[in-house]
Amino acid sequence: MLDADSTYPANEIPHFVDQLRLYDAVIGTRILFDGQNISAINHLGNNFITKNAQILYNSQINDLCTGMWGFNGHVLKDLNIKSHGFTLEAELFVYLKKHGYRIGEIPITYNRRIGDSKLRRIEAVKILWYLWSRRLTP
């Protein structure tokens, strides 16, 4: 799964397939070389959201809001996505953690977006609310 805005490197898919031999799901952790491909405020927000996910779910992931994920088929069979918008990645992550799935990471480059970003600051609040509210429920 990857966002269709040309920011994620489709040529990394074979590496995801390789890692899926070891993990139930793999995420592409974005590497930001010069800060030009993501705004400073978005980078700070992503770090804050990811830190919350790490603490709440005892996880070592480094990029919760990435738009590049790989899954083994057995993970997807019971997945019932309800999110609309930017809480999708949080829903996927929470599902994986609550079901005890192993999550791997692959460093990926993050390319300059083609077109305008649809991300608004209110989305960070929605993502944090999702993480916290799901942590407090079975």
N, C-alpha and C. Protein backbone atom coordinates (compact mmCIF):
# COMPACT_ATOMS: atom_id res chain seq x y z
N MET A 1 0.86 -1.16 0.00
CA MET A 1 0.00 0.00 0.00
C MET A 1 0.91 1.22 0.00
N LEU A 2 0.66 2.15 -0.92
CA LEU A 2 1.39 3.40 -0.89
C LEU A 2 0.54 4.52 -1.43
N ASP A 3 0.76 5.71 -0.91
CA ASP A 3 0.04 6.89 -1.38
C ASP A 3 0.35 7.11 -2.85
N ALA A 4 -0.62 7.60 -3.57
CA ALA A 4 -0.47 7.79 -5.02
C ALA A 4 -0.10 9.23 -5.37
N ASP A 5 0.73 9.85 -4.55
CA ASP A 5 1.12 11.24 -4.80
C ASP A 5 2.58 11.37 -5.24
N SER A 6 3.18 10.26 -5.63
CA SER A 6 4.58 10.19 -6.10
C SER A 6 5.62 10.48 -5.02
N THR A 7 5.21 10.47 -3.76
CA THR A 7 6.18 10.73 -2.70
C THR A 7 6.87 9.46 -2.22
N TYR A 8 6.25 8.31 -2.48
CA TYR A 8 6.79 7.04 -1.99
C TYR A 8 7.41 6.24 -3.13
N PRO A 9 8.56 5.62 -2.90
CA PRO A 9 9.30 4.93 -3.97
C PRO A 9 8.78 3.51 -4.24
N ALA A 10 8.03 3.36 -5.30
CA ALA A 10 7.49 2.05 -5.65
C ALA A 10 8.60 1.03 -5.91
N ASN A 11 9.78 1.51 -6.29
CA ASN A 11 10.89 0.58 -6.54
C ASN A 11 11.37 -0.12 -5.27
N GLU A 12 10.88 0.28 -4.10
CA GLU A 12 11.23 -0.38 -2.84
C GLU A 12 10.34 -1.59 -2.54
N ILE A 13 9.30 -1.80 -3.33
CA ILE A 13 8.36 -2.88 -3.06
C ILE A 13 9.06 -4.24 -2.94
N PRO A 14 10.04 -4.59 -3.78
CA PRO A 14 10.72 -5.88 -3.59
C PRO A 14 11.37 -6.02 -2.20
N HIS A 15 11.86 -4.92 -1.63
CA HIS A 15 12.44 -4.97 -0.28
C HIS A 15 11.35 -5.26 0.76
N PHE A 16 10.16 -4.71 0.53
CA PHE A 16 9.04 -4.99 1.43
C PHE A 16 8.71 -6.47 1.38
N VAL A 17 8.65 -7.01 0.18
CA VAL A 17 8.34 -8.44 0.02
C VAL A 17 9.38 -9.29 0.75
N ASP A 18 10.64 -8.95 0.64
CA ASP A 18 11.70 -9.67 1.36
C ASP A 18 11.47 -9.62 2.87
N GLN A 19 11.17 -8.44 3.38
CA GLN A 19 10.99 -8.28 4.83
C GLN A 19 9.72 -8.95 5.33
N LEU A 20 8.74 -9.13 4.45
CA LEU A 20 7.50 -9.79 4.86
C LEU A 20 7.70 -11.29 5.10
N ARG A 21 8.88 -11.79 4.79
CA ARG A 21 9.21 -13.16 5.18
C ARG A 21 9.53 -13.23 6.68
N LEU A 22 9.88 -12.08 7.26
CA LEU A 22 10.25 -12.00 8.67
C LEU A 22 9.17 -11.37 9.55
N TYR A 23 8.35 -10.52 8.96
CA TYR A 23 7.37 -9.74 9.72
C TYR A 23 5.97 -9.93 9.14
N ASP A 24 4.98 -9.63 9.98
CA ASP A 24 3.60 -9.68 9.53
C ASP A 24 3.23 -8.44 8.72
N ALA A 25 3.86 -7.33 9.04
CA ALA A 25 3.65 -6.08 8.33
C ALA A 25 4.96 -5.31 8.31
N VAL A 26 5.14 -4.50 7.29
CA VAL A 26 6.35 -3.70 7.16
C VAL A 26 5.93 -2.28 6.80
N ILE A 27 6.55 -1.31 7.47
CA ILE A 27 6.28 0.09 7.13
C ILE A 27 7.54 0.73 6.55
N GLY A 28 7.32 1.68 5.68
CA GLY A 28 8.42 2.44 5.11
C GLY A 28 8.66 3.69 5.93
N THR A 29 9.76 3.72 6.64
CA THR A 29 10.10 4.87 7.47
C THR A 29 10.78 5.91 6.59
N ARG A 30 10.16 7.08 6.50
CA ARG A 30 10.67 8.13 5.62
C ARG A 30 11.96 8.73 6.15
N ILE A 31 12.91 8.87 5.24
CA ILE A 31 14.17 9.53 5.54
C ILE A 31 14.10 10.91 4.90
N LEU A 32 14.34 11.93 5.70
CA LEU A 32 14.26 13.30 5.21
C LEU A 32 15.67 13.86 5.12
N PHE A 33 16.20 13.92 3.94
CA PHE A 33 17.59 14.34 3.79
C PHE A 33 17.81 15.83 4.02
N ASP A 34 16.95 16.67 3.49
CA ASP A 34 17.22 18.11 3.58
C ASP A 34 16.04 18.92 4.11
N GLY A 35 14.97 18.26 4.50
CA GLY A 35 13.82 18.98 5.04
C GLY A 35 12.97 19.67 3.99
N GLN A 36 13.30 19.52 2.73
CA GLN A 36 12.53 20.20 1.69
C GLN A 36 11.31 19.41 1.25
N ASN A 37 11.26 18.13 1.56
CA ASN A 37 10.15 17.30 1.10
C ASN A 37 9.00 17.23 2.08
N ILE A 38 9.20 17.78 3.27
CA ILE A 38 8.15 17.84 4.29
C ILE A 38 8.41 19.09 5.11
N SER A 39 7.34 19.80 5.44
CA SER A 39 7.53 21.04 6.20
C SER A 39 8.01 20.74 7.61
N ALA A 40 8.65 21.71 8.21
CA ALA A 40 9.17 21.54 9.57
C ALA A 40 8.03 21.25 10.55
N ILE A 41 6.90 21.92 10.39
CA ILE A 41 5.77 21.71 11.30
C ILE A 41 5.19 20.30 11.13
N ASN A 42 5.13 19.81 9.90
CA ASN A 42 4.63 18.45 9.67
C ASN A 42 5.60 17.41 10.22
N HIS A 43 6.89 17.67 10.07
CA HIS A 43 7.90 16.76 10.60
C HIS A 43 7.82 16.71 12.13
N LEU A 44 7.70 17.86 12.75
CA LEU A 44 7.56 17.93 14.21
C LEU A 44 6.29 17.22 14.66
N GLY A 45 5.18 17.47 13.96
CA GLY A 45 3.91 16.82 14.30
C GLY A 45 3.99 15.32 14.18
N ASN A 46 4.62 14.84 13.10
CA ASN A 46 4.76 13.39 12.91
C ASN A 46 5.60 12.78 14.03
N ASN A 47 6.66 13.46 14.42
CA ASN A 47 7.49 12.96 15.52
C ASN A 47 6.69 12.88 16.82
N PHE A 48 5.86 13.89 17.08
CA PHE A 48 5.05 13.91 18.30
C PHE A 48 4.02 12.78 18.28
N ILE A 49 3.36 12.60 17.15
CA ILE A 49 2.37 11.52 17.02
C ILE A 49 3.05 10.17 17.17
N THR A 50 4.17 9.99 16.51
CA THR A 50 4.89 8.72 16.58
C THR A 50 5.35 8.43 18.00
N LYS A 51 5.83 9.44 18.71
CA LYS A 51 6.25 9.25 20.10
C LYS A 51 5.07 8.81 20.97
N ASN A 52 3.90 9.38 20.74
CA ASN A 52 2.71 8.95 21.47
C ASN A 52 2.41 7.48 21.19
N ALA A 53 2.50 7.08 19.92
CA ALA A 53 2.25 5.69 19.55
C ALA A 53 3.27 4.77 20.22
N GLN A 54 4.53 5.18 20.26
CA GLN A 54 5.57 4.38 20.89
C GLN A 54 5.26 4.13 22.36
N ILE A 55 4.89 5.20 23.05
CA ILE A 55 4.62 5.11 24.49
C ILE A 55 3.33 4.33 24.77
N LEU A 56 2.26 4.66 24.06
CA LEU A 56 0.97 4.04 24.32
C LEU A 56 0.94 2.55 24.01
N TYR A 57 1.69 2.15 22.98
CA TYR A 57 1.62 0.77 22.49
C TYR A 57 2.94 0.01 22.63
N ASN A 58 3.85 0.56 23.42
CA ASN A 58 5.14 -0.09 23.65
C ASN A 58 5.77 -0.54 22.33
N SER A 59 6.00 0.41 21.48
CA SER A 59 6.48 0.13 20.13
C SER A 59 7.73 0.93 19.82
N GLN A 60 8.52 0.43 18.91
CA GLN A 60 9.73 1.13 18.50
C GLN A 60 9.62 1.73 17.09
N ILE A 61 8.42 1.79 16.52
CA ILE A 61 8.30 2.33 15.17
C ILE A 61 8.80 3.76 15.14
N ASN A 62 9.25 4.20 13.97
CA ASN A 62 9.83 5.53 13.84
C ASN A 62 9.04 6.48 12.95
N ASP A 63 7.94 6.00 12.34
CA ASP A 63 7.19 6.86 11.43
C ASP A 63 5.76 6.35 11.29
N LEU A 64 4.92 6.67 12.26
CA LEU A 64 3.55 6.18 12.25
C LEU A 64 2.77 6.65 11.02
N CYS A 65 2.99 7.87 10.61
CA CYS A 65 2.15 8.47 9.57
C CYS A 65 2.64 8.20 8.14
N THR A 66 3.53 7.26 7.97
CA THR A 66 4.00 6.92 6.64
C THR A 66 2.85 6.41 5.78
N GLY A 67 2.95 6.64 4.50
CA GLY A 67 1.94 6.17 3.56
C GLY A 67 2.39 4.96 2.77
N MET A 68 3.42 4.25 3.26
CA MET A 68 3.89 3.06 2.55
C MET A 68 3.96 1.89 3.53
N TRP A 69 3.11 0.90 3.29
CA TRP A 69 2.98 -0.27 4.16
C TRP A 69 2.94 -1.53 3.32
N GLY A 70 3.40 -2.63 3.89
CA GLY A 70 3.25 -3.95 3.29
C GLY A 70 2.66 -4.90 4.33
N PHE A 71 1.81 -5.83 3.88
CA PHE A 71 1.14 -6.75 4.78
C PHE A 71 1.18 -8.17 4.23
N ASN A 72 1.29 -9.13 5.12
CA ASN A 72 1.07 -10.51 4.75
C ASN A 72 -0.44 -10.73 4.66
N GLY A 73 -0.84 -11.67 3.82
CA GLY A 73 -2.26 -11.93 3.59
C GLY A 73 -3.02 -12.30 4.85
N HIS A 74 -2.39 -13.06 5.76
CA HIS A 74 -3.09 -13.48 6.97
C HIS A 74 -3.45 -12.29 7.87
N VAL A 75 -2.74 -11.20 7.74
CA VAL A 75 -3.04 -10.00 8.53
C VAL A 75 -4.29 -9.33 7.99
N LEU A 76 -4.43 -9.31 6.69
CA LEU A 76 -5.52 -8.58 6.05
C LEU A 76 -6.87 -9.27 6.14
N LYS A 77 -6.88 -10.58 6.37
CA LYS A 77 -8.14 -11.31 6.29
C LYS A 77 -9.18 -10.85 7.32
N ASP A 78 -8.77 -10.40 8.49
CA ASP A 78 -9.70 -9.95 9.51
C ASP A 78 -9.72 -8.43 9.69
N LEU A 79 -8.95 -7.74 8.88
CA LEU A 79 -8.89 -6.28 8.98
C LEU A 79 -10.18 -5.67 8.47
N ASN A 80 -10.79 -4.84 9.28
CA ASN A 80 -12.04 -4.18 8.92
C ASN A 80 -11.86 -2.67 9.10
N ILE A 81 -11.32 -2.02 8.09
CA ILE A 81 -10.97 -0.60 8.17
C ILE A 81 -12.22 0.26 8.23
N LYS A 82 -12.20 1.18 9.19
CA LYS A 82 -13.32 2.11 9.35
C LYS A 82 -12.89 3.56 9.18
N SER A 83 -11.60 3.79 9.14
CA SER A 83 -11.08 5.16 9.06
C SER A 83 -11.36 5.79 7.71
N HIS A 84 -11.57 7.07 7.77
CA HIS A 84 -11.68 7.91 6.58
C HIS A 84 -10.66 9.02 6.75
N GLY A 85 -9.72 9.11 5.85
CA GLY A 85 -8.75 10.18 5.94
C GLY A 85 -7.47 9.77 6.63
N PHE A 86 -6.91 10.71 7.38
CA PHE A 86 -5.56 10.57 7.91
C PHE A 86 -5.44 9.68 9.14
N THR A 87 -6.54 9.15 9.66
CA THR A 87 -6.42 8.21 10.78
C THR A 87 -6.17 6.79 10.29
N LEU A 88 -6.13 6.58 8.99
CA LEU A 88 -5.92 5.23 8.44
C LEU A 88 -4.67 4.57 9.00
N GLU A 89 -3.55 5.26 8.97
CA GLU A 89 -2.30 4.67 9.43
C GLU A 89 -2.36 4.33 10.92
N ALA A 90 -3.01 5.20 11.71
CA ALA A 90 -3.16 4.92 13.14
C ALA A 90 -4.03 3.68 13.34
N GLU A 91 -5.09 3.54 12.56
CA GLU A 91 -5.94 2.37 12.67
C GLU A 91 -5.17 1.09 12.32
N LEU A 92 -4.40 1.14 11.25
CA LEU A 92 -3.60 -0.02 10.87
C LEU A 92 -2.62 -0.40 11.98
N PHE A 93 -1.92 0.59 12.50
CA PHE A 93 -0.94 0.37 13.56
C PHE A 93 -1.59 -0.23 14.80
N VAL A 94 -2.69 0.36 15.24
CA VAL A 94 -3.37 -0.12 16.45
C VAL A 94 -3.85 -1.56 16.24
N TYR A 95 -4.40 -1.85 15.08
CA TYR A 95 -4.83 -3.20 14.78
C TYR A 95 -3.67 -4.19 14.89
N LEU A 96 -2.55 -3.83 14.27
CA LEU A 96 -1.38 -4.71 14.31
C LEU A 96 -0.90 -4.95 15.74
N LYS A 97 -0.81 -3.89 16.52
CA LYS A 97 -0.31 -4.01 17.90
C LYS A 97 -1.29 -4.80 18.77
N LYS A 98 -2.58 -4.51 18.66
CA LYS A 98 -3.55 -5.19 19.51
C LYS A 98 -3.68 -6.67 19.18
N HIS A 99 -3.31 -7.04 17.97
CA HIS A 99 -3.38 -8.45 17.58
C HIS A 99 -2.02 -9.15 17.67
N GLY A 100 -1.02 -8.45 18.19
CA GLY A 100 0.28 -9.06 18.43
C GLY A 100 1.11 -9.35 17.19
N TYR A 101 0.82 -8.65 16.10
CA TYR A 101 1.59 -8.86 14.87
C TYR A 101 2.96 -8.21 14.96
N ARG A 102 3.92 -8.80 14.28
CA ARG A 102 5.29 -8.28 14.24
C ARG A 102 5.38 -7.22 13.13
N ILE A 103 5.90 -6.05 13.49
CA ILE A 103 6.01 -4.94 12.54
C ILE A 103 7.49 -4.67 12.28
N GLY A 104 7.87 -4.69 11.00
CA GLY A 104 9.22 -4.34 10.60
C GLY A 104 9.23 -2.97 9.95
N GLU A 105 10.42 -2.41 9.80
CA GLU A 105 10.57 -1.10 9.17
C GLU A 105 11.66 -1.15 8.11
N ILE A 106 11.46 -0.38 7.07
CA ILE A 106 12.46 -0.22 6.02
C ILE A 106 12.66 1.27 5.82
N PRO A 107 13.89 1.76 5.85
CA PRO A 107 14.10 3.18 5.55
C PRO A 107 13.84 3.43 4.06
N ILE A 108 13.06 4.46 3.77
CA ILE A 108 12.76 4.81 2.39
C ILE A 108 13.00 6.30 2.18
N THR A 109 13.24 6.67 0.94
CA THR A 109 13.33 8.08 0.62
C THR A 109 11.91 8.60 0.46
N TYR A 110 11.74 9.85 0.73
CA TYR A 110 10.44 10.50 0.62
C TYR A 110 10.60 11.61 -0.41
N ASN A 111 9.95 11.45 -1.53
CA ASN A 111 10.13 12.38 -2.64
C ASN A 111 9.23 13.60 -2.53
N ARG A 112 9.57 14.59 -3.29
CA ARG A 112 8.77 15.80 -3.34
C ARG A 112 7.41 15.48 -3.91
N ARG A 113 6.38 15.98 -3.26
CA ARG A 113 4.99 15.73 -3.66
C ARG A 113 4.66 16.41 -4.98
N ILE A 114 3.86 15.71 -5.76
CA ILE A 114 3.28 16.32 -6.96
C ILE A 114 1.89 16.78 -6.57
N GLY A 115 1.63 18.06 -6.63
CA GLY A 115 0.34 18.61 -6.21
C GLY A 115 0.41 19.13 -4.79
N ASP A 116 -0.72 19.59 -4.30
CA ASP A 116 -0.81 20.19 -2.98
C ASP A 116 -1.15 19.15 -1.92
N SER A 117 -0.63 19.37 -0.74
CA SER A 117 -0.92 18.50 0.40
C SER A 117 -2.34 18.78 0.89
N LYS A 118 -3.02 17.73 1.31
CA LYS A 118 -4.36 17.87 1.88
C LYS A 118 -4.33 17.83 3.40
N LEU A 119 -3.13 17.66 3.96
CA LEU A 119 -2.97 17.56 5.40
C LEU A 119 -3.22 18.90 6.07
N ARG A 120 -4.08 18.89 7.10
CA ARG A 120 -4.36 20.08 7.90
C ARG A 120 -4.01 19.75 9.35
N ARG A 121 -3.73 20.75 10.13
CA ARG A 121 -3.29 20.53 11.52
C ARG A 121 -4.32 19.79 12.36
N ILE A 122 -5.60 19.98 12.05
CA ILE A 122 -6.64 19.29 12.81
C ILE A 122 -6.50 17.78 12.68
N GLU A 123 -5.89 17.32 11.60
CA GLU A 123 -5.70 15.88 11.40
C GLU A 123 -4.81 15.28 12.48
N ALA A 124 -3.83 16.05 12.95
CA ALA A 124 -2.96 15.56 14.03
C ALA A 124 -3.78 15.29 15.29
N VAL A 125 -4.72 16.16 15.58
CA VAL A 125 -5.58 15.98 16.75
C VAL A 125 -6.43 14.72 16.58
N LYS A 126 -6.96 14.50 15.39
CA LYS A 126 -7.76 13.31 15.13
C LYS A 126 -6.93 12.04 15.29
N ILE A 127 -5.71 12.07 14.79
CA ILE A 127 -4.83 10.89 14.91
C ILE A 127 -4.51 10.61 16.37
N LEU A 128 -4.15 11.65 17.11
CA LEU A 128 -3.85 11.48 18.54
C LEU A 128 -5.07 10.96 19.29
N TRP A 129 -6.24 11.51 19.01
CA TRP A 129 -7.47 11.05 19.65
C TRP A 129 -7.69 9.57 19.35
N TYR A 130 -7.47 9.17 18.10
CA TYR A 130 -7.64 7.76 17.73
C TYR A 130 -6.69 6.88 18.54
N LEU A 131 -5.43 7.25 18.61
CA LEU A 131 -4.44 6.46 19.34
C LEU A 131 -4.83 6.31 20.82
N TRP A 132 -5.17 7.44 21.44
CA TRP A 132 -5.50 7.42 22.87
C TRP A 132 -6.82 6.70 23.14
N SER A 133 -7.84 6.95 22.34
CA SER A 133 -9.14 6.33 22.59
C SER A 133 -9.08 4.82 22.39
N ARG A 134 -8.31 4.34 21.42
CA ARG A 134 -8.21 2.90 21.19
C ARG A 134 -7.33 2.22 22.24
N ARG A 135 -6.42 2.96 22.82
CA ARG A 135 -5.58 2.39 23.87
C ARG A 135 -6.40 2.12 25.12
N LEU A 136 -7.41 2.92 25.32
CA LEU A 136 -8.23 2.81 26.53
C LEU A 136 -9.36 1.81 26.38
N THR A 137 -9.49 1.17 25.22
CA THR A 137 -10.53 0.18 24.98
C THR A 137 -9.89 -1.17 24.65
N PRO A 138 -10.60 -2.25 24.95
CA PRO A 138 -10.03 -3.57 24.65
C PRO A 138 -9.89 -3.83 23.16
